[in-house]
């Protein structure tokens, strides 16, 4: 059975330069879409990705990642926008790495595309009126 999972991968410095994601395709026949990726201090990596493939292959791949020292976290959260609180200031639009937030023209309303959102939480921090919420 084919499944799709959204996960957060945290790479320790020792493996952040290795072709681990490539192995997901080659060894486990998975398709991936990188939603967000960063390399932090001392080359620690963080990647938010959507993985699609057979459930058995997904499980084998997550076992492989764990053995490589990669920490996995399922992404079971979403961002929502409270239209009653939102003032459409656009502060969230500028910080959204996946461009899930945009200003609609000509109304100048802030619009959230939930399918593009990676639930990183940047908009929550940026919103001065706290109209952006994290839901689980």
C-alpha atoms as a PDB file:
ATOM      1  CA  UNK A   1       0.000   0.000   0.000  1.00  0.00           C
ATOM      2  CA  UNK A   2       1.387   3.399  -0.984  1.00  0.00           C
ATOM      3  CA  UNK A   3       1.545   6.022   1.770  1.00  0.00           C
ATOM      4  CA  UNK A   4       2.682   9.608   2.162  1.00  0.00           C
ATOM      5  CA  UNK A   5       4.321  10.877   5.348  1.00  0.00           C
ATOM      6  CA  UNK A   6       5.534  14.349   6.310  1.00  0.00           C
ATOM      7  CA  UNK A   7       8.547  14.147   8.586  1.00  0.00           C
ATOM      8  CA  UNK A   8      11.244  16.321  10.106  1.00  0.00           C
ATOM      9  CA  UNK A   9      14.799  14.963   9.901  1.00  0.00           C
ATOM     10  CA  UNK A  10      17.537  16.286  12.163  1.00  0.00           C
ATOM     11  CA  UNK A  11      21.017  15.430  10.930  1.00  0.00           C
ATOM     12  CA  UNK A  12      24.005  15.402  13.291  1.00  0.00           C
ATOM     13  CA  UNK A  13      27.195  17.014  11.948  1.00  0.00           C
ATOM     14  CA  UNK A  14      28.778  13.611  11.265  1.00  0.00           C
ATOM     15  CA  UNK A  15      26.191  12.751   8.589  1.00  0.00           C
ATOM     16  CA  UNK A  16      25.043  16.143   7.294  1.00  0.00           C
ATOM     17  CA  UNK A  17      27.392  15.901   4.302  1.00  0.00           C
ATOM     18  CA  UNK A  18      26.514  12.337   3.304  1.00  0.00           C
ATOM     19  CA  UNK A  19      24.072  11.431   0.495  1.00  0.00           C
ATOM     20  CA  UNK A  20      21.457  10.028   2.858  1.00  0.00           C
ATOM     21  CA  UNK A  21      18.417  11.380   1.018  1.00  0.00           C
ATOM     22  CA  UNK A  22      19.729   9.908  -2.232  1.00  0.00           C
ATOM     23  CA  UNK A  23      19.677   6.485  -0.569  1.00  0.00           C
ATOM     24  CA  UNK A  24      15.956   6.878   0.152  1.00  0.00           C
ATOM     25  CA  UNK A  25      15.337   6.856  -3.593  1.00  0.00           C
ATOM     26  CA  UNK A  26      17.924   4.308  -4.669  1.00  0.00           C
ATOM     27  CA  UNK A  27      17.690   1.738  -1.867  1.00  0.00           C
ATOM     28  CA  UNK A  28      14.078   2.113  -0.738  1.00  0.00           C
ATOM     29  CA  UNK A  29      12.256   3.253  -3.908  1.00  0.00           C
ATOM     30  CA  UNK A  30      10.743   6.289  -2.204  1.00  0.00           C
ATOM     31  CA  UNK A  31       9.783   9.607  -3.754  1.00  0.00           C
ATOM     32  CA  UNK A  32      10.516  12.696  -1.704  1.00  0.00           C
ATOM     33  CA  UNK A  33       9.698  16.365  -1.793  1.00  0.00           C
ATOM     34  CA  UNK A  34      11.914  18.614   0.318  1.00  0.00           C
ATOM     35  CA  UNK A  35       9.685  21.238   1.911  1.00  0.00           C
ATOM     36  CA  UNK A  36      12.394  22.997   3.925  1.00  0.00           C
ATOM     37  CA  UNK A  37      16.080  22.420   4.558  1.00  0.00           C
ATOM     38  CA  UNK A  38      18.674  24.259   6.630  1.00  0.00           C
ATOM     39  CA  UNK A  39      22.180  23.660   7.874  1.00  0.00           C
ATOM     40  CA  UNK A  40      22.732  25.166  11.292  1.00  0.00           C
ATOM     41  CA  UNK A  41      25.660  25.781  13.584  1.00  0.00           C
ATOM     42  CA  UNK A  42      28.420  23.217  13.347  1.00  0.00           C
ATOM     43  CA  UNK A  43      26.784  21.716  10.219  1.00  0.00           C
ATOM     44  CA  UNK A  44      23.727  20.272  11.963  1.00  0.00           C
ATOM     45  CA  UNK A  45      21.034  19.794   9.351  1.00  0.00           C
ATOM     46  CA  UNK A  46      17.276  20.027   9.499  1.00  0.00           C
ATOM     47  CA  UNK A  47      15.007  18.907   6.696  1.00  0.00           C
ATOM     48  CA  UNK A  48      11.244  18.844   6.429  1.00  0.00           C
ATOM     49  CA  UNK A  49      10.136  16.466   3.724  1.00  0.00           C
ATOM     50  CA  UNK A  50       7.206  14.592   2.330  1.00  0.00           C
ATOM     51  CA  UNK A  51       7.966  10.962   1.481  1.00  0.00           C
ATOM     52  CA  UNK A  52       5.771   8.747  -0.695  1.00  0.00           C
ATOM     53  CA  UNK A  53       6.127   5.031  -1.327  1.00  0.00           C
ATOM     54  CA  UNK A  54       5.219   1.576  -0.136  1.00  0.00           C
ATOM     55  CA  UNK A  55       4.684   1.387   3.628  1.00  0.00           C
ATOM     56  CA  UNK A  56       7.207  -1.463   4.038  1.00  0.00           C
ATOM     57  CA  UNK A  57       9.879   0.547   2.190  1.00  0.00           C
ATOM     58  CA  UNK A  58       9.090   3.629   4.281  1.00  0.00           C
ATOM     59  CA  UNK A  59       9.607   1.624   7.483  1.00  0.00           C
ATOM     60  CA  UNK A  60      12.906   0.204   6.200  1.00  0.00           C
ATOM     61  CA  UNK A  61      14.029   3.709   5.243  1.00  0.00           C
ATOM     62  CA  UNK A  62      13.211   5.164   8.670  1.00  0.00           C
ATOM     63  CA  UNK A  63      15.154   2.311  10.293  1.00  0.00           C
ATOM     64  CA  UNK A  64      18.097   3.125   8.011  1.00  0.00           C
ATOM     65  CA  UNK A  65      17.908   6.832   8.892  1.00  0.00           C
ATOM     66  CA  UNK A  66      17.809   6.083  12.622  1.00  0.00           C
ATOM     67  CA  UNK A  67      20.861   3.841  12.317  1.00  0.00           C
ATOM     68  CA  UNK A  68      22.688   6.718  10.595  1.00  0.00           C
ATOM     69  CA  UNK A  69      22.033   8.945  13.617  1.00  0.00           C
ATOM     70  CA  UNK A  70      19.266  10.969  11.978  1.00  0.00           C
ATOM     71  CA  UNK A  71      16.468  11.882  14.384  1.00  0.00           C
ATOM     72  CA  UNK A  72      12.993  11.602  12.873  1.00  0.00           C
ATOM     73  CA  UNK A  73       9.878  13.415  13.963  1.00  0.00           C
ATOM     74  CA  UNK A  74       6.508  12.905  12.288  1.00  0.00           C
ATOM     75  CA  UNK A  75       4.921  16.170  11.240  1.00  0.00           C
ATOM     76  CA  UNK A  76       1.384  15.931  12.586  1.00  0.00           C
ATOM     77  CA  UNK A  77       0.758  19.607  12.900  1.00  0.00           C
ATOM     78  CA  UNK A  78      -0.687  22.311  10.751  1.00  0.00           C
ATOM     79  CA  UNK A  79      -0.841  26.071  10.773  1.00  0.00           C
ATOM     80  CA  UNK A  80      -4.189  27.839  10.704  1.00  0.00           C
ATOM     81  CA  UNK A  81      -5.102  31.498  10.354  1.00  0.00           C
ATOM     82  CA  UNK A  82      -7.753  33.127  12.537  1.00  0.00           C
ATOM     83  CA  UNK A  83      -9.452  35.518  10.120  1.00  0.00           C
ATOM     84  CA  UNK A  84     -11.183  37.318  12.997  1.00  0.00           C
ATOM     85  CA  UNK A  85      -7.844  38.269  14.560  1.00  0.00           C
ATOM     86  CA  UNK A  86      -5.840  38.843  11.377  1.00  0.00           C
ATOM     87  CA  UNK A  87      -5.275  42.475  10.409  1.00  0.00           C
ATOM     88  CA  UNK A  88      -3.719  41.495   7.037  1.00  0.00           C
ATOM     89  CA  UNK A  89      -0.497  43.321   7.901  1.00  0.00           C
ATOM     90  CA  UNK A  90       1.581  40.819   5.894  1.00  0.00           C
ATOM     91  CA  UNK A  91       4.292  40.268   8.528  1.00  0.00           C
ATOM     92  CA  UNK A  92       3.841  36.518   8.161  1.00  0.00           C
ATOM     93  CA  UNK A  93       4.166  36.598   4.367  1.00  0.00           C
ATOM     94  CA  UNK A  94       7.762  37.812   4.435  1.00  0.00           C
ATOM     95  CA  UNK A  95       8.993  35.036   6.744  1.00  0.00           C
ATOM     96  CA  UNK A  96       7.199  32.076   5.145  1.00  0.00           C
ATOM     97  CA  UNK A  97       9.897  29.825   3.596  1.00  0.00           C
ATOM     98  CA  UNK A  98       7.434  27.747   1.574  1.00  0.00           C
ATOM     99  CA  UNK A  99       5.466  30.730   0.252  1.00  0.00           C
ATOM    100  CA  UNK A 100       2.270  29.229   1.684  1.00  0.00           C
ATOM    101  CA  UNK A 101       1.248  32.728   2.748  1.00  0.00           C
ATOM    102  CA  UNK A 102       0.632  35.443   0.184  1.00  0.00           C
ATOM    103  CA  UNK A 103      -1.147  38.732  -0.171  1.00  0.00           C
ATOM    104  CA  UNK A 104      -4.134  38.423  -2.472  1.00  0.00           C
ATOM    105  CA  UNK A 105      -4.652  41.262  -4.903  1.00  0.00           C
ATOM    106  CA  UNK A 106      -6.623  43.525  -5.122  1.00  0.00           C
ATOM    107  CA  UNK A 107      -8.204  42.830  -1.705  1.00  0.00           C
ATOM    108  CA  UNK A 108      -4.778  42.864   0.066  1.00  0.00           C
ATOM    109  CA  UNK A 109      -5.927  39.989   2.292  1.00  0.00           C
ATOM    110  CA  UNK A 110      -3.384  37.503   3.636  1.00  0.00           C
ATOM    111  CA  UNK A 111      -4.186  34.039   2.266  1.00  0.00           C
ATOM    112  CA  UNK A 112      -2.833  30.727   3.602  1.00  0.00           C
ATOM    113  CA  UNK A 113      -2.390  27.769   1.236  1.00  0.00           C
ATOM    114  CA  UNK A 114      -2.401  24.793   3.642  1.00  0.00           C
ATOM    115  CA  UNK A 115      -1.109  22.399   0.971  1.00  0.00           C
ATOM    116  CA  UNK A 116       2.103  24.434   0.637  1.00  0.00           C
ATOM    117  CA  UNK A 117       2.591  24.979   4.384  1.00  0.00           C
ATOM    118  CA  UNK A 118       5.427  23.044   6.041  1.00  0.00           C
ATOM    119  CA  UNK A 119       4.286  24.002   9.572  1.00  0.00           C
ATOM    120  CA  UNK A 120       7.658  25.526  10.445  1.00  0.00           C
ATOM    121  CA  UNK A 121       6.040  28.086  12.783  1.00  0.00           C
ATOM    122  CA  UNK A 122       7.868  31.158  11.477  1.00  0.00           C
ATOM    123  CA  UNK A 123       4.550  32.927  10.833  1.00  0.00           C
ATOM    124  CA  UNK A 124       3.432  32.338  14.411  1.00  0.00           C
ATOM    125  CA  UNK A 125       6.458  34.173  15.728  1.00  0.00           C
ATOM    126  CA  UNK A 126       6.105  37.004  13.200  1.00  0.00           C
ATOM    127  CA  UNK A 127       2.385  37.663  13.697  1.00  0.00           C
ATOM    128  CA  UNK A 128       1.926  40.706  15.965  1.00  0.00           C
ATOM    129  CA  UNK A 129      -1.726  39.891  16.755  1.00  0.00           C
ATOM    130  CA  UNK A 130      -1.253  36.123  17.124  1.00  0.00           C
ATOM    131  CA  UNK A 131      -3.683  35.253  14.338  1.00  0.00           C
ATOM    132  CA  UNK A 132      -1.521  32.314  13.209  1.00  0.00           C
ATOM    133  CA  UNK A 133      -1.995  29.132  15.259  1.00  0.00           C
ATOM    134  CA  UNK A 134      -0.371  25.715  15.432  1.00  0.00           C
ATOM    135  CA  UNK A 135      -2.846  22.843  15.450  1.00  0.00           C
ATOM    136  CA  UNK A 136      -2.102  19.181  16.049  1.00  0.00           C
END
